[in-house]
Amino acid sequence: MPVILQTTLLLVVANIFMTFAWYAHLRNLNDRAWYIAAFASWFIALIEYMFQVPANRIGYSALNISQLKILQEIITLSVFVPFSILYMEQPLKLDYLWAGCCLMGAVYFNFRS
């Protein structure tokens, strides 16, 4: 499997966990003390790091650090938008499209030769 595909798949999984660690407590643990949400988020983040660290190590063999970061940001937005709409029940905004366009510009400039 190509390095970029391995990196991308691992980062997608990592970002799913990361998004839940950062935001799901707002819906699921809103009635609990903040430190309970923090501990639950830390546990989820530990799982996220089990995917994120290997993804970055694998990816760094073929990509530079800037390319890795931009790839991660694209994946973050690609995971966050469906999460916010489907899980957090937020309305779809045109701003998501504009943010995606800005990130595509970043992809262009970071991956051009």
Protein backbone atom coordinates (compact mmCIF):
# COMPACT_ATOMS: atom_id res chain seq x y z
CA MET A 1 0.00 0.00 0.00
CA PRO A 2 1.45 3.44 -0.90
CA VAL A 3 2.84 5.53 1.96
CA ILE A 4 0.47 8.43 1.36
CA LEU A 5 -2.56 6.10 1.42
CA GLN A 6 -1.38 4.43 4.65
CA THR A 7 -0.80 7.83 6.22
CA THR A 8 -4.16 9.15 5.07
CA LEU A 9 -6.13 6.16 6.37
CA LEU A 10 -4.40 6.24 9.75
CA LEU A 11 -4.95 9.99 10.01
CA VAL A 12 -8.64 9.60 9.18
CA VAL A 13 -9.07 7.11 12.03
CA ALA A 14 -7.00 9.32 14.35
CA ASN A 15 -9.09 12.37 13.46
CA ILE A 16 -12.35 10.56 14.13
CA PHE A 17 -11.13 9.81 17.65
CA MET A 18 -9.69 13.31 18.03
CA THR A 19 -12.95 14.96 17.03
CA PHE A 20 -14.90 12.86 19.52
CA ALA A 21 -12.31 13.58 22.24
CA TRP A 22 -12.52 17.32 21.64
CA TYR A 23 -16.23 17.81 21.08
CA ALA A 24 -18.46 14.82 21.94
CA HIS A 25 -18.40 15.66 25.66
CA LEU A 26 -20.32 18.84 24.83
CA ARG A 27 -23.27 16.66 23.90
CA ASN A 28 -22.77 13.56 26.05
CA LEU A 29 -21.26 14.88 29.28
CA ASN A 30 -22.64 18.40 29.40
CA ASP A 31 -24.37 17.68 32.74
CA ARG A 32 -21.17 16.31 34.36
CA ALA A 33 -18.26 18.09 35.98
CA TRP A 34 -15.59 19.34 33.57
CA TYR A 35 -12.95 16.98 34.99
CA ILE A 36 -15.06 13.93 34.14
CA ALA A 37 -15.27 15.17 30.56
CA ALA A 38 -11.51 15.84 30.61
CA PHE A 39 -10.67 12.30 31.75
CA ALA A 40 -13.05 10.77 29.21
CA SER A 41 -11.50 12.96 26.49
CA TRP A 42 -7.97 12.01 27.55
CA PHE A 43 -8.85 8.33 27.24
CA ILE A 44 -10.24 8.86 23.74
CA ALA A 45 -7.20 10.99 22.84
CA LEU A 46 -4.90 8.14 23.90
CA ILE A 47 -6.58 5.93 21.31
CA GLU A 48 -6.22 8.76 18.78
CA TYR A 49 -2.47 8.93 19.41
CA MET A 50 -2.16 5.19 18.72
CA PHE A 51 -3.12 6.00 15.12
CA GLN A 52 -1.71 9.52 14.76
CA VAL A 53 1.88 8.77 15.80
CA PRO A 54 2.36 5.85 13.36
CA ALA A 55 0.61 7.87 10.64
CA ASN A 56 3.07 10.73 11.01
CA ARG A 57 6.07 8.41 11.21
CA ILE A 58 5.01 6.57 8.07
CA GLY A 59 4.07 9.77 6.27
CA TYR A 60 7.32 11.51 7.11
CA SER A 61 9.17 8.93 5.03
CA ALA A 62 7.56 10.37 1.87
CA LEU A 63 6.23 13.82 2.84
CA ASN A 64 7.82 16.83 4.45
CA ILE A 65 6.46 18.22 7.71
CA SER A 66 4.48 20.97 5.98
CA GLN A 67 2.80 18.46 3.66
CA LEU A 68 1.96 16.23 6.63
CA LYS A 69 0.35 19.15 8.46
CA ILE A 70 -1.72 20.26 5.49
CA LEU A 71 -2.85 16.66 4.89
CA GLN A 72 -3.87 16.45 8.55
CA GLU A 73 -5.83 19.72 8.31
CA ILE A 74 -7.71 18.57 5.21
CA ILE A 75 -8.60 15.33 6.98
CA THR A 76 -9.62 17.23 10.12
CA LEU A 77 -12.08 19.37 8.17
CA SER A 78 -13.32 16.33 6.23
CA VAL A 79 -14.07 14.56 9.51
CA PHE A 80 -15.32 17.59 11.44
CA VAL A 81 -17.97 18.74 8.98
CA PRO A 82 -19.93 15.44 8.92
CA PHE A 83 -19.43 15.11 12.70
CA SER A 84 -20.83 18.56 13.38
CA ILE A 85 -23.79 18.05 11.06
CA LEU A 86 -24.67 14.42 11.83
CA TYR A 87 -23.57 13.95 15.44
CA MET A 88 -23.77 17.44 16.93
CA GLU A 89 -26.82 18.31 14.78
CA GLN A 90 -25.41 21.65 13.63
CA PRO A 91 -26.72 23.23 10.42
CA LEU A 92 -24.71 22.90 7.22
CA LYS A 93 -22.99 26.20 6.50
CA LEU A 94 -21.60 27.63 3.31
CA ASP A 95 -18.57 28.64 5.40
CA TYR A 96 -17.49 24.98 5.38
CA LEU A 97 -17.18 25.18 1.60
CA TRP A 98 -15.12 28.38 1.79
CA ALA A 99 -12.86 26.88 4.46
CA GLY A 100 -12.40 23.84 2.22
CA CYS A 101 -11.47 26.09 -0.71
CA CYS A 102 -8.84 27.84 1.41
CA LEU A 103 -7.40 24.49 2.43
CA MET A 104 -7.29 23.36 -1.18
CA GLY A 105 -5.15 26.41 -1.89
CA ALA A 106 -2.86 25.33 0.96
CA VAL A 107 -2.68 21.85 -0.54
CA TYR A 108 -1.73 23.28 -3.91
CA PHE A 109 1.08 25.44 -2.54
CA ASN A 110 2.47 22.72 -0.24
CA PHE A 111 2.41 19.87 -2.74
CA ARG A 112 3.51 21.63 -5.94
CA SER A 113 7.04 20.85 -7.04
